Amino acid sequence: GAPGLPGMPGVPGKDGRDGLKGAKGEPGEPGSPGLPGKTGPIGSLGAPGDPGMMGVAGEPGMPGSYKQKHQSAFSVMRQTSEYPLKNVPVVFNHVITNTNHDYNTTTGKFTCKLPGLYYFVFHTS
């Protein structure tokens, strides 16, 4: 006899086994940047920078005398009926003159703030 007509298509079969792993593909486009990370620790102090530019000149000062000399002078007296203690500075507690406040009436000491020659005179009675 002669072959018959093809039959109706059958039901699909079960999935087959996975094949071998393929070769790595080409890299894709870069993604968008992520969120900022946590702030890191503070670094060590850097080297000092270069000096800045010189500033503008200041206002003129008060008029003065170029011949005026800096000087320190004081005149004090001791106003107490008590005798001074031994081995401690004698304190003169009443100020007549004390330019620049170089004599201290609490300690009885004179502080030499200006270099130069000093002349001291005292009188006791």
PDB file of N, CA and C in Angstrom:
ATOM      1  N   GLY A   1       0.742  -1.156   0.000  1.00  0.00           N
ATOM      2  CA  GLY A   1       0.000   0.000   0.000  1.00  0.00           C
ATOM      3  C   GLY A   1       0.809   1.260   0.000  1.00  0.00           C
ATOM      4  N   ALA A   2       0.104   2.291  -0.225  1.00  0.00           N
ATOM      5  CA  ALA A   2       0.685   3.627  -0.294  1.00  0.00           C
ATOM      6  C   ALA A   2       0.755   4.231   1.116  1.00  0.00           C
ATOM      7  N   PRO A   3       1.840   5.096   1.424  1.00  0.00           N
ATOM      8  CA  PRO A   3       1.925   5.718   2.782  1.00  0.00           C
ATOM      9  C   PRO A   3       0.724   6.625   2.997  1.00  0.00           C
ATOM     10  N   GLY A   4       0.345   6.714   4.264  1.00  0.00           N
ATOM     11  CA  GLY A   4      -0.813   7.529   4.618  1.00  0.00           C
ATOM     12  C   GLY A   4      -0.445   8.988   4.794  1.00  0.00           C
ATOM     13  N   LEU A   5      -1.420   9.760   5.157  1.00  0.00           N
ATOM     14  CA  LEU A   5      -1.248  11.193   5.385  1.00  0.00           C
ATOM     15  C   LEU A   5      -0.583  11.414   6.750  1.00  0.00           C
ATOM     16  N   PRO A   6       0.200  12.537   6.849  1.00  0.00           N
ATOM     17  CA  PRO A   6       0.822  12.813   8.168  1.00  0.00           C
ATOM     18  C   PRO A   6      -0.271  13.027   9.202  1.00  0.00           C
ATOM     19  N   GLY A   7       0.048  12.675  10.422  1.00  0.00           N
ATOM     20  CA  GLY A   7      -0.911  12.814  11.518  1.00  0.00           C
ATOM     21  C   GLY A   7      -0.900  14.212  12.123  1.00  0.00           C
ATOM     22  N   MET A   8      -1.677  14.392  13.162  1.00  0.00           N
ATOM     23  CA  MET A   8      -1.802  15.663  13.882  1.00  0.00           C
ATOM     24  C   MET A   8      -0.513  15.908  14.668  1.00  0.00           C
ATOM     25  N   PRO A   9      -0.123  17.224  14.827  1.00  0.00           N
ATOM     26  CA  PRO A   9       1.104  17.496  15.622  1.00  0.00           C
ATOM     27  C   PRO A   9       0.926  16.994  17.050  1.00  0.00           C
ATOM     28  N   GLY A  10       1.996  16.515  17.618  1.00  0.00           N
ATOM     29  CA  GLY A  10       1.950  15.971  18.976  1.00  0.00           C
ATOM     30  C   GLY A  10       2.130  17.030  20.062  1.00  0.00           C
ATOM     31  N   VAL A  11       2.034  16.603  21.279  1.00  0.00           N
ATOM     32  CA  VAL A  11       2.222  17.485  22.448  1.00  0.00           C
ATOM     33  C   VAL A  11       3.712  17.751  22.586  1.00  0.00           C
ATOM     34  N   PRO A  12       4.103  19.028  23.004  1.00  0.00           N
ATOM     35  CA  PRO A  12       5.541  19.306  23.156  1.00  0.00           C
ATOM     36  C   PRO A  12       6.177  18.391  24.193  1.00  0.00           C
ATOM     37  N   GLY A  13       7.463  18.113  23.994  1.00  0.00           N
ATOM     38  CA  GLY A  13       8.177  17.224  24.901  1.00  0.00           C
ATOM     39  C   GLY A  13       8.738  17.954  26.125  1.00  0.00           C
ATOM     40  N   LYS A  14       9.352  17.201  27.013  1.00  0.00           N
ATOM     41  CA  LYS A  14       9.955  17.772  28.222  1.00  0.00           C
ATOM     42  C   LYS A  14      11.193  18.562  27.844  1.00  0.00           C
ATOM     43  N   ASP A  15      11.552  19.614  28.759  1.00  0.00           N
ATOM     44  CA  ASP A  15      12.764  20.401  28.509  1.00  0.00           C
ATOM     45  C   ASP A  15      13.973  19.504  28.609  1.00  0.00           C
ATOM     46  N   GLY A  16      14.939  19.791  27.781  1.00  0.00           N
ATOM     47  CA  GLY A  16      16.159  19.014  27.806  1.00  0.00           C
ATOM     48  C   GLY A  16      17.132  19.522  28.876  1.00  0.00           C
ATOM     49  N   ARG A  17      18.279  18.923  29.002  1.00  0.00           N
ATOM     50  CA  ARG A  17      19.297  19.346  29.982  1.00  0.00           C
ATOM     51  C   ARG A  17      19.972  20.619  29.513  1.00  0.00           C
ATOM     52  N   ASP A  18      20.539  21.437  30.547  1.00  0.00           N
ATOM     53  CA  ASP A  18      21.248  22.662  30.206  1.00  0.00           C
ATOM     54  C   ASP A  18      22.507  22.324  29.440  1.00  0.00           C
ATOM     55  N   GLY A  19      22.887  23.243  28.538  1.00  0.00           N
ATOM     56  CA  GLY A  19      24.084  23.034  27.755  1.00  0.00           C
ATOM     57  C   GLY A  19      25.329  23.532  28.494  1.00  0.00           C
ATOM     58  N   LEU A  20      26.472  23.507  27.857  1.00  0.00           N
ATOM     59  CA  LEU A  20      27.726  23.974  28.438  1.00  0.00           C
ATOM     60  C   LEU A  20      27.700  25.493  28.581  1.00  0.00           C
ATOM     61  N   LYS A  21      28.507  26.029  29.577  1.00  0.00           N
ATOM     62  CA  LYS A  21      28.560  27.469  29.819  1.00  0.00           C
ATOM     63  C   LYS A  21      29.231  28.133  28.629  1.00  0.00           C
ATOM     64  N   GLY A  22      28.668  29.280  28.192  1.00  0.00           N
ATOM     65  CA  GLY A  22      29.199  30.000  27.045  1.00  0.00           C
ATOM     66  C   GLY A  22      30.337  30.927  27.437  1.00  0.00           C
ATOM     67  N   ALA A  23      30.966  31.538  26.457  1.00  0.00           N
ATOM     68  CA  ALA A  23      32.068  32.484  26.682  1.00  0.00           C
ATOM     69  C   ALA A  23      31.533  33.783  27.276  1.00  0.00           C
ATOM     70  N   LYS A  24      32.406  34.530  28.020  1.00  0.00           N
ATOM     71  CA  LYS A  24      32.024  35.797  28.658  1.00  0.00           C
ATOM     72  C   LYS A  24      31.723  36.828  27.574  1.00  0.00           C
ATOM     73  N   GLY A  25      30.659  37.606  27.802  1.00  0.00           N
ATOM     74  CA  GLY A  25      30.245  38.604  26.821  1.00  0.00           C
ATOM     75  C   GLY A  25      31.017  39.907  26.973  1.00  0.00           C
ATOM     76  N   GLU A  26      30.730  40.852  26.118  1.00  0.00           N
ATOM     77  CA  GLU A  26      31.357  42.178  26.145  1.00  0.00           C
ATOM     78  C   GLU A  26      30.820  42.959  27.349  1.00  0.00           C
ATOM     79  N   PRO A  27      31.669  43.889  27.966  1.00  0.00           N
ATOM     80  CA  PRO A  27      31.181  44.683  29.107  1.00  0.00           C
ATOM     81  C   PRO A  27      30.058  45.614  28.666  1.00  0.00           C
ATOM     82  N   GLY A  28      29.120  45.828  29.571  1.00  0.00           N
ATOM     83  CA  GLY A  28      27.991  46.699  29.279  1.00  0.00           C
ATOM     84  C   GLY A  28      28.330  48.155  29.574  1.00  0.00           C
ATOM     85  N   GLU A  29      27.364  49.056  29.425  1.00  0.00           N
ATOM     86  CA  GLU A  29      27.530  50.483  29.710  1.00  0.00           C
ATOM     87  C   GLU A  29      27.656  50.669  31.227  1.00  0.00           C
ATOM     88  N   PRO A  30      28.493  51.666  31.693  1.00  0.00           N
ATOM     89  CA  PRO A  30      28.604  51.906  33.145  1.00  0.00           C
ATOM     90  C   PRO A  30      27.267  52.356  33.708  1.00  0.00           C
ATOM     91  N   GLY A  31      27.011  51.971  34.962  1.00  0.00           N
ATOM     92  CA  GLY A  31      25.779  52.362  35.635  1.00  0.00           C
ATOM     93  C   GLY A  31      25.896  53.773  36.201  1.00  0.00           C
ATOM     94  N   SER A  32      24.813  54.295  36.759  1.00  0.00           N
ATOM     95  CA  SER A  32      24.838  55.633  37.367  1.00  0.00           C
ATOM     96  C   SER A  32      25.561  55.552  38.714  1.00  0.00           C
ATOM     97  N   PRO A  33      26.188  56.677  39.172  1.00  0.00           N
ATOM     98  CA  PRO A  33      26.943  56.653  40.432  1.00  0.00           C
ATOM     99  C   PRO A  33      26.050  56.309  41.613  1.00  0.00           C
ATOM    100  N   GLY A  34      26.661  55.692  42.615  1.00  0.00           N
ATOM    101  CA  GLY A  34      25.920  55.324  43.822  1.00  0.00           C
ATOM    102  C   GLY A  34      25.831  56.491  44.795  1.00  0.00           C
ATOM    103  N   LEU A  35      25.249  56.260  45.959  1.00  0.00           N
ATOM    104  CA  LEU A  35      25.108  57.282  46.997  1.00  0.00           C
ATOM    105  C   LEU A  35      26.470  57.550  47.641  1.00  0.00           C
ATOM    106  N   PRO A  36      26.686  58.786  48.193  1.00  0.00           N
ATOM    107  CA  PRO A  36      27.969  59.076  48.854  1.00  0.00           C
ATOM    108  C   PRO A  36      28.180  58.177  50.072  1.00  0.00           C
ATOM    109  N   GLY A  37      29.434  57.863  50.330  1.00  0.00           N
ATOM    110  CA  GLY A  37      29.769  57.034  51.488  1.00  0.00           C
ATOM    111  C   GLY A  37      29.867  57.861  52.757  1.00  0.00           C
ATOM    112  N   LYS A  38      30.210  57.217  53.878  1.00  0.00           N
ATOM    113  CA  LYS A  38      30.362  57.890  55.166  1.00  0.00           C
ATOM    114  C   LYS A  38      31.604  58.777  55.138  1.00  0.00           C
ATOM    115  N   THR A  39      31.579  59.839  55.954  1.00  0.00           N
ATOM    116  CA  THR A  39      32.733  60.742  56.049  1.00  0.00           C
ATOM    117  C   THR A  39      33.890  59.997  56.717  1.00  0.00           C
ATOM    118  N   GLY A  40      35.069  60.129  56.149  1.00  0.00           N
ATOM    119  CA  GLY A  40      36.246  59.457  56.690  1.00  0.00           C
ATOM    120  C   GLY A  40      36.852  60.220  57.859  1.00  0.00           C
ATOM    121  N   PRO A  41      37.879  59.656  58.481  1.00  0.00           N
ATOM    122  CA  PRO A  41      38.530  60.339  59.615  1.00  0.00           C
ATOM    123  C   PRO A  41      39.283  61.583  59.153  1.00  0.00           C
ATOM    124  N   ILE A  42      39.459  62.537  60.077  1.00  0.00           N
ATOM    125  CA  ILE A  42      40.175  63.776  59.760  1.00  0.00           C
ATOM    126  C   ILE A  42      41.657  63.449  59.576  1.00  0.00           C
ATOM    127  N   GLY A  43      42.251  63.993  58.552  1.00  0.00           N
ATOM    128  CA  GLY A  43      43.662  63.743  58.269  1.00  0.00           C
ATOM    129  C   GLY A  43      44.582  64.607  59.117  1.00  0.00           C
ATOM    130  N   SER A  44      45.866  64.367  59.008  1.00  0.00           N
ATOM    131  CA  SER A  44      46.841  65.146  59.778  1.00  0.00           C
ATOM    132  C   SER A  44      46.979  66.538  59.162  1.00  0.00           C
ATOM    133  N   LEU A  45      47.465  67.485  59.994  1.00  0.00           N
ATOM    134  CA  LEU A  45      47.617  68.873  59.580  1.00  0.00           C
ATOM    135  C   LEU A  45      48.700  68.967  58.504  1.00  0.00           C
ATOM    136  N   GLY A  46      48.418  69.736  57.486  1.00  0.00           N
ATOM    137  CA  GLY A  46      49.377  69.898  56.400  1.00  0.00           C
ATOM    138  C   GLY A  46      50.443  70.928  56.727  1.00  0.00           C
ATOM    139  N   ALA A  47      51.373  71.085  55.816  1.00  0.00           N
ATOM    140  CA  ALA A  47      52.451  72.063  55.998  1.00  0.00           C
ATOM    141  C   ALA A  47      51.881  73.472  55.888  1.00  0.00           C
ATOM    142  N   PRO A  48      52.501  74.447  56.584  1.00  0.00           N
ATOM    143  CA  PRO A  48      52.001  75.830  56.487  1.00  0.00           C
ATOM    144  C   PRO A  48      52.111  76.347  55.054  1.00  0.00           C
ATOM    145  N   GLY A  49      51.176  77.189  54.687  1.00  0.00           N
ATOM    146  CA  GLY A  49      51.176  77.751  53.342  1.00  0.00           C
ATOM    147  C   GLY A  49      52.149  78.917  53.220  1.00  0.00           C
ATOM    148  N   ASP A  50      52.263  79.423  52.024  1.00  0.00           N
ATOM    149  CA  ASP A  50      53.128  80.571  51.774  1.00  0.00           C
ATOM    150  C   ASP A  50      52.526  81.817  52.410  1.00  0.00           C
ATOM    151  N   PRO A  51      53.358  82.774  52.826  1.00  0.00           N
ATOM    152  CA  PRO A  51      52.825  84.016  53.387  1.00  0.00           C
ATOM    153  C   PRO A  51      51.958  84.742  52.364  1.00  0.00           C
ATOM    154  N   GLY A  52      50.936  85.407  52.859  1.00  0.00           N
ATOM    155  CA  GLY A  52      50.035  86.143  51.977  1.00  0.00           C
ATOM    156  C   GLY A  52      50.639  87.464  51.541  1.00  0.00           C
ATOM    157  N   MET A  53      49.885  88.168  50.740  1.00  0.00           N
ATOM    158  CA  MET A  53      50.339  89.463  50.254  1.00  0.00           C
ATOM    159  C   MET A  53      50.260  90.487  51.381  1.00  0.00           C
ATOM    160  N   MET A  54      51.095  91.504  51.306  1.00  0.00           N
ATOM    161  CA  MET A  54      51.096  92.543  52.324  1.00  0.00           C
ATOM    162  C   MET A  54      49.793  93.324  52.245  1.00  0.00           C
ATOM    163  N   GLY A  55      49.252  93.667  53.415  1.00  0.00           N
ATOM    164  CA  GLY A  55      48.002  94.405  53.473  1.00  0.00           C
ATOM    165  C   GLY A  55      48.198  95.884  53.164  1.00  0.00           C
ATOM    166  N   VAL A  56      47.084  96.592  53.129  1.00  0.00           N
ATOM    167  CA  VAL A  56      47.145  98.029  52.863  1.00  0.00           C
ATOM    168  C   VAL A  56      47.686  98.751  54.085  1.00  0.00           C
ATOM    169  N   ALA A  57      48.254  99.923  53.878  1.00  0.00           N
ATOM    170  CA  ALA A  57      48.830 100.703  54.970  1.00  0.00           C
ATOM    171  C   ALA A  57      47.731 101.153  55.914  1.00  0.00           C
ATOM    172  N   GLY A  58      48.068 101.224  57.194  1.00  0.00           N
ATOM    173  CA  GLY A  58      47.107 101.647  58.201  1.00  0.00           C
ATOM    174  C   GLY A  58      46.957 103.151  58.242  1.00  0.00           C
ATOM    175  N   GLU A  59      46.046 103.583  59.106  1.00  0.00           N
ATOM    176  CA  GLU A  59      45.810 105.013  59.289  1.00  0.00           C
ATOM    177  C   GLU A  59      47.029 105.645  59.954  1.00  0.00           C
ATOM    178  N   PRO A  60      47.275 106.913  59.689  1.00  0.00           N
ATOM    179  CA  PRO A  60      48.399 107.584  60.362  1.00  0.00           C
ATOM    180  C   PRO A  60      48.162 107.631  61.869  1.00  0.00           C
ATOM    181  N   GLY A  61      49.241 107.573  62.637  1.00  0.00           N
ATOM    182  CA  GLY A  61      49.147 107.622  64.085  1.00  0.00           C
ATOM    183  C   GLY A  61      48.966 109.045  64.585  1.00  0.00           C
ATOM    184  N   MET A  62      48.879 109.139  65.904  1.00  0.00           N
ATOM    185  CA  MET A  62      48.727 110.451  66.528  1.00  0.00           C
ATOM    186  C   MET A  62      50.025 111.230  66.349  1.00  0.00           C
ATOM    187  N   PRO A  63      49.919 112.555  66.242  1.00  0.00           N
ATOM    188  CA  PRO A  63      51.151 113.335  66.117  1.00  0.00           C
ATOM    189  C   PRO A  63      51.978 113.230  67.388  1.00  0.00           C
ATOM    190  N   GLY A  64      53.260 113.228  67.245  1.00  0.00           N
ATOM    191  CA  GLY A  64      54.139 113.113  68.401  1.00  0.00           C
ATOM    192  C   GLY A  64      55.424 113.882  68.162  1.00  0.00           C
ATOM    193  N   SER A  65      56.321 113.756  69.122  1.00  0.00           N
ATOM    194  CA  SER A  65      57.604 114.437  69.017  1.00  0.00           C
ATOM    195  C   SER A  65      58.689 113.391  68.829  1.00  0.00           C
ATOM    196  N   TYR A  66      59.466 113.545  67.791  1.00  0.00           N
ATOM    197  CA  TYR A  66      60.532 112.576  67.556  1.00  0.00           C
ATOM    198  C   TYR A  66      61.648 112.719  68.587  1.00  0.00           C
ATOM    199  N   LYS A  67      61.683 113.842  69.281  1.00  0.00           N
ATOM    200  CA  LYS A  67      62.727 114.058  70.285  1.00  0.00           C
ATOM    201  C   LYS A  67      62.325 113.494  71.650  1.00  0.00           C
ATOM    202  N   GLN A  68      61.062 113.118  71.796  1.00  0.00           N
ATOM    203  CA  GLN A  68      60.596 112.627  73.090  1.00  0.00           C
ATOM    204  C   GLN A  68      61.247 111.288  73.408  1.00  0.00           C
ATOM    205  N   LYS A  69      61.774 111.167  74.605  1.00  0.00           N
ATOM    206  CA  LYS A  69      62.428 109.931  75.020  1.00  0.00           C
ATOM    207  C   LYS A  69      61.474 109.140  75.908  1.00  0.00           C
ATOM    208  N   HIS A  70      61.551 107.842  75.782  1.00  0.00           N
ATOM    209  CA  HIS A  70      60.793 106.983  76.678  1.00  0.00           C
ATOM    210  C   HIS A  70      61.526 106.937  78.005  1.00  0.00           C
ATOM    211  N   GLN A  71      60.772 107.122  79.068  1.00  0.00           N
ATOM    212  CA  GLN A  71      61.429 107.092  80.369  1.00  0.00           C
ATOM    213  C   GLN A  71      60.472 106.537  81.404  1.00  0.00           C
ATOM    214  N   SER A  72      61.047 106.074  82.476  1.00  0.00           N
ATOM    215  CA  SER A  72      60.287 105.544  83.593  1.00  0.00           C
ATOM    216  C   SER A  72      60.719 106.306  84.835  1.00  0.00           C
ATOM    217  N   ALA A  73      59.748 106.711  85.636  1.00  0.00           N
ATOM    218  CA  ALA A  73      60.065 107.438  86.864  1.00  0.00           C
ATOM    219  C   ALA A  73      59.011 107.119  87.904  1.00  0.00           C
ATOM    220  N   PHE A  74      59.448 107.050  89.177  1.00  0.00           N
ATOM    221  CA  PHE A  74      58.466 106.890  90.248  1.00  0.00           C
ATOM    222  C   PHE A  74      58.980 107.583  91.498  1.00  0.00           C
ATOM    223  N   SER A  75      58.024 108.056  92.280  1.00  0.00           N
ATOM    224  CA  SER A  75      58.319 108.661  93.574  1.00  0.00           C
ATOM    225  C   SER A  75      57.251 108.156  94.521  1.00  0.00           C
ATOM    226  N   VAL A  76      57.691 107.499  95.580  1.00  0.00           N
ATOM    227  CA  VAL A  76      56.756 106.883  96.524  1.00  0.00           C
ATOM    228  C   VAL A  76      57.196 107.178  97.952  1.00  0.00           C
ATOM    229  N   MET A  77      56.273 107.023  98.876  1.00  0.00           N
ATOM    230  CA  MET A  77      56.622 107.165 100.287  1.00  0.00           C
ATOM    231  C   MET A  77      55.929 106.080 101.088  1.00  0.00           C
ATOM    232  N   ARG A  78      56.453 105.845 102.266  1.00  0.00           N
ATOM    233  CA  ARG A  78      55.913 104.808 103.153  1.00  0.00           C
ATOM    234  C   ARG A  78      55.086 105.496 104.224  1.00  0.00           C
ATOM    235  N   GLN A  79      53.786 105.224 104.218  1.00  0.00           N
ATOM    236  CA  GLN A  79      52.887 105.853 105.184  1.00  0.00           C
ATOM    237  C   GLN A  79      52.381 104.799 106.156  1.00  0.00           C
ATOM    238  N   THR A  80      53.211 104.455 107.110  1.00  0.00           N
ATOM    239  CA  THR A  80      52.829 103.529 108.164  1.00  0.00           C
ATOM    240  C   THR A  80      53.754 103.754 109.339  1.00  0.00           C
ATOM    241  N   SER A  81      53.264 103.456 110.514  1.00  0.00           N
ATOM    242  CA  SER A  81      54.105 103.611 111.711  1.00  0.00           C
ATOM    243  C   SER A  81      54.833 102.314 112.037  1.00  0.00           C
ATOM    244  N   GLU A  82      54.561 101.252 111.304  1.00  0.00           N
ATOM    245  CA  GLU A  82      55.193  99.957 111.570  1.00  0.00           C
ATOM    246  C   GLU A  82      56.570  99.886 110.912  1.00  0.00           C
ATOM    247  N   TYR A  83      57.488  99.196 111.594  1.00  0.00           N
ATOM    248  CA  TYR A  83      58.812  98.991 111.018  1.00  0.00           C
ATOM    249  C   TYR A  83      58.725  97.918 109.943  1.00  0.00           C
ATOM    250  N   PRO A  84      59.538  98.033 108.912  1.00  0.00           N
ATOM    251  CA  PRO A  84      59.520  96.977 107.878  1.00  0.00           C
ATOM    252  C   PRO A  84      60.086  95.679 108.433  1.00  0.00           C
ATOM    253  N   LEU A  85      59.656  94.559 107.878  1.00  0.00           N
ATOM    254  CA  LEU A  85      60.140  93.243 108.300  1.00  0.00           C
ATOM    255  C   LEU A  85      61.547  93.020 107.769  1.00  0.00           C
ATOM    256  N   LYS A  86      62.290  92.152 108.459  1.00  0.00           N
ATOM    257  CA  LYS A  86      63.651  91.834 108.014  1.00  0.00           C
ATOM    258  C   LYS A  86      63.610  90.897 106.811  1.00  0.00           C
ATOM    259  N   ASN A  87      64.594  91.039 105.935  1.00  0.00           N
ATOM    260  CA  ASN A  87      64.825  90.139 104.791  1.00  0.00           C
ATOM    261  C   ASN A  87      63.674  90.091 103.782  1.00  0.00           C
ATOM    262  N   VAL A  88      62.865  91.125 103.729  1.00  0.00           N
ATOM    263  CA  VAL A  88      61.822  91.209 102.698  1.00  0.00           C
ATOM    264  C   VAL A  88      61.874  92.627 102.132  1.00  0.00           C
ATOM    265  N   PRO A  89      61.409  92.835 100.909  1.00  0.00           N
ATOM    266  CA  PRO A  89      61.429  94.188 100.336  1.00  0.00           C
ATOM    267  C   PRO A  89      60.603  95.164 101.177  1.00  0.00           C
ATOM    268  N   VAL A  90      61.092  96.383 101.292  1.00  0.00           N
ATOM    269  CA  VAL A  90      60.345  97.435 101.981  1.00  0.00           C
ATOM    270  C   VAL A  90      59.300  97.962 101.002  1.00  0.00           C
ATOM    271  N   VAL A  91      58.046  97.925 101.420  1.00  0.00           N
ATOM    272  CA  VAL A  91      56.958  98.344 100.537  1.00  0.00           C
ATOM    273  C   VAL A  91      56.610  99.795 100.836  1.00  0.00           C
ATOM    274  N   PHE A  92      56.699 100.628  99.784  1.00  0.00           N
ATOM    275  CA  PHE A  92      56.283 102.025  99.867  1.00  0.00           C
ATOM    276  C   PHE A  92      54.873 102.075  99.311  1.00  0.00           C
ATOM    277  N   ASN A  93      53.909 102.425 100.175  1.00  0.00           N
ATOM    278  CA  ASN A  93      52.505 102.235  99.823  1.00  0.00           C
ATOM    279  C   ASN A  93      51.787 103.496  99.347  1.00  0.00           C
ATOM    280  N   HIS A  94      52.455 104.634  99.295  1.00  0.00           N
ATOM    281  CA  HIS A  94      51.801 105.858  98.827  1.00  0.00           C
ATOM    282  C   HIS A  94      52.540 106.374  97.590  1.00  0.00           C
ATOM    283  N   VAL A  95      51.814 106.524  96.491  1.00  0.00           N
ATOM    284  CA  VAL A  95      52.419 106.940  95.213  1.00  0.00           C
ATOM    285  C   VAL A  95      52.300 108.448  95.050  1.00  0.00           C
ATOM    286  N   ILE A  96      53.408 109.064  94.737  1.00  0.00           N
ATOM    287  CA  ILE A  96      53.420 110.475  94.360  1.00  0.00           C
ATOM    288  C   ILE A  96      53.430 110.554  92.828  1.00  0.00           C
ATOM    289  N   THR A  97      54.346 109.827  92.219  1.00  0.00           N
ATOM    290  CA  THR A  97      54.444 109.708  90.760  1.00  0.00           C
ATOM    291  C   THR A  97      54.805 108.267  90.436  1.00  0.00           C
ATOM    292  N   ASN A  98      54.187 107.730  89.365  1.00  0.00           N
ATOM    293  CA  ASN A  98      54.513 106.356  88.948  1.00  0.00           C
ATOM    294  C   ASN A  98      54.199 106.230  87.461  1.00  0.00           C
ATOM    295  N   THR A  99      55.036 106.856  86.603  1.00  0.00           N
ATOM    296  CA  THR A  99      54.808 106.782  85.159  1.00  0.00           C
ATOM    297  C   THR A  99      54.978 105.338  84.709  1.00  0.00           C
ATOM    298  N   ASN A 100      54.138 104.918  83.812  1.00  0.00           N
ATOM    299  CA  ASN A 100      54.153 103.547  83.243  1.00  0.00           C
ATOM    300  C   ASN A 100      53.819 102.473  84.273  1.00  0.00           C
ATOM    301  N   HIS A 101      53.525 102.859  85.513  1.00  0.00           N
ATOM    302  CA  HIS A 101      53.173 101.892  86.576  1.00  0.00           C
ATOM    303  C   HIS A 101      54.255 100.828  86.738  1.00  0.00           C
ATOM    304  N   ASP A 102      55.495 101.239  86.688  1.00  0.00           N
ATOM    305  CA  ASP A 102      56.610 100.292  86.816  1.00  0.00           C
ATOM    306  C   ASP A 102      56.887  99.916  88.278  1.00  0.00           C
ATOM    307  N   TYR A 103      56.459 100.746  89.227  1.00  0.00           N
ATOM    308  CA  TYR A 103      56.620 100.405  90.646  1.00  0.00           C
ATOM    309  C   TYR A 103      55.308  99.793  91.134  1.00  0.00           C
ATOM    310  N   ASN A 104      55.405  98.652  91.819  1.00  0.00           N
ATOM    311  CA  ASN A 104      54.242  97.934  92.330  1.00  0.00           C
ATOM    312  C   ASN A 104      54.127  98.200  93.822  1.00  0.00           C
ATOM    313  N   THR A 105      53.056  98.882  94.238  1.00  0.00           N
ATOM    314  CA  THR A 105      52.879  99.224  95.656  1.00  0.00           C
ATOM    315  C   THR A 105      52.459  98.032  96.506  1.00  0.00           C
ATOM    316  N   THR A 106      52.097  96.928  95.895  1.00  0.00           N
ATOM    317  CA  THR A 106      51.748  95.726  96.654  1.00  0.00           C
ATOM    318  C   THR A 106      52.995  94.911  96.993  1.00  0.00           C
ATOM    319  N   THR A 107      53.877  94.764  96.025  1.00  0.00           N
ATOM    320  CA  THR A 107      55.077  93.942  96.245  1.00  0.00           C
ATOM    321  C   THR A 107      56.282  94.775  96.653  1.00  0.00           C
ATOM    322  N   GLY A 108      56.257  96.088  96.369  1.00  0.00           N
ATOM    323  CA  GLY A 108      57.410  96.936  96.651  1.00  0.00           C
ATOM    324  C   GLY A 108      58.513  96.771  95.634  1.00  0.00           C
ATOM    325  N   LYS A 109      58.177  96.227  94.466  1.00  0.00           N
ATOM    326  CA  LYS A 109      59.210  95.964  93.460  1.00  0.00           C
ATOM    327  C   LYS A 109      59.027  96.870  92.244  1.00  0.00           C
ATOM    328  N   PHE A 110      60.166  97.302  91.691  1.00  0.00           N
ATOM    329  CA  PHE A 110      60.198  98.094  90.467  1.00  0.00           C
ATOM    330  C   PHE A 110      60.577  97.159  89.324  1.00  0.00           C
ATOM    331  N   THR A 111      59.819  97.209  88.237  1.00  0.00           N
ATOM    332  CA  THR A 111      60.102  96.376  87.070  1.00  0.00           C
ATOM    333  C   THR A 111      60.709  97.244  85.979  1.00  0.00           C
ATOM    334  N   CYS A 112      61.895  96.864  85.530  1.00  0.00           N
ATOM    335  CA  CYS A 112      62.613  97.600  84.485  1.00  0.00           C
ATOM    336  C   CYS A 112      62.112  97.104  83.131  1.00  0.00           C
ATOM    337  N   LYS A 113      61.188  97.864  82.525  1.00  0.00           N
ATOM    338  CA  LYS A 113      60.612  97.470  81.242  1.00  0.00           C
ATOM    339  C   LYS A 113      61.353  98.087  80.056  1.00  0.00           C
ATOM    340  N   LEU A 114      62.078  99.171  80.303  1.00  0.00           N
ATOM    341  CA  LEU A 114      62.812  99.846  79.231  1.00  0.00           C
ATOM    342  C   LEU A 114      64.308  99.705  79.486  1.00  0.00           C
ATOM    343  N   PRO A 115      65.078  99.240  78.513  1.00  0.00           N
ATOM    344  CA  PRO A 115      66.521  99.125  78.731  1.00  0.00           C
ATOM    345  C   PRO A 115      67.149 100.508  78.835  1.00  0.00           C
ATOM    346  N   GLY A 116      68.155 100.610  79.655  1.00  0.00           N
ATOM    347  CA  GLY A 116      68.841 101.898  79.780  1.00  0.00           C
ATOM    348  C   GLY A 116      69.523 102.028  81.125  1.00  0.00           C
ATOM    349  N   LEU A 117      69.918 103.239  81.442  1.00  0.00           N
ATOM    350  CA  LEU A 117      70.605 103.552  82.685  1.00  0.00           C
ATOM    351  C   LEU A 117      69.577 104.083  83.675  1.00  0.00           C
ATOM    352  N   TYR A 118      69.578 103.535  84.899  1.00  0.00           N
ATOM    353  CA  TYR A 118      68.634 103.948  85.926  1.00  0.00           C
ATOM    354  C   TYR A 118      69.397 104.553  87.100  1.00  0.00           C
ATOM    355  N   TYR A 119      68.776 105.568  87.713  1.00  0.00           N
ATOM    356  CA  TYR A 119      69.376 106.279  88.841  1.00  0.00           C
ATOM    357  C   TYR A 119      68.340 106.275  89.959  1.00  0.00           C
ATOM    358  N   PHE A 120      68.703 105.689  91.114  1.00  0.00           N
ATOM    359  CA  PHE A 120      67.807 105.593  92.254  1.00  0.00           C
ATOM    360  C   PHE A 120      68.330 106.422  93.405  1.00  0.00           C
ATOM    361  N   VAL A 121      67.454 107.165  94.067  1.00  0.00           N
ATOM    362  CA  VAL A 121      67.774 107.952  95.242  1.00  0.00           C
ATOM    363  C   VAL A 121      66.723 107.640  96.291  1.00  0.00           C
ATOM    364  N   PHE A 122      67.142 107.449  97.539  1.00  0.00           N
ATOM    365  CA  PHE A 122      66.159 107.262  98.600  1.00  0.00           C
ATOM    366  C   PHE A 122      66.565 108.033  99.838  1.00  0.00           C
ATOM    367  N   HIS A 123      65.581 108.316 100.651  1.00  0.00           N
ATOM    368  CA  HIS A 123      65.807 109.062 101.888  1.00  0.00           C
ATOM    369  C   HIS A 123      64.990 108.392 102.983  1.00  0.00           C
ATOM    370  N   THR A 124      65.589 108.145 104.114  1.00  0.00           N
ATOM    371  CA  THR A 124      64.861 107.566 105.248  1.00  0.00           C
ATOM    372  C   THR A 124      65.009 108.492 106.446  1.00  0.00           C
ATOM    373  N   SER A 125      63.982 108.497 107.264  1.00  0.00           N
ATOM    374  CA  SER A 125      64.071 109.287 108.490  1.00  0.00           C
ATOM    375  C   SER A 125      63.220 108.658 109.572  1.00  0.00           C
TER     376      SER A 125
END
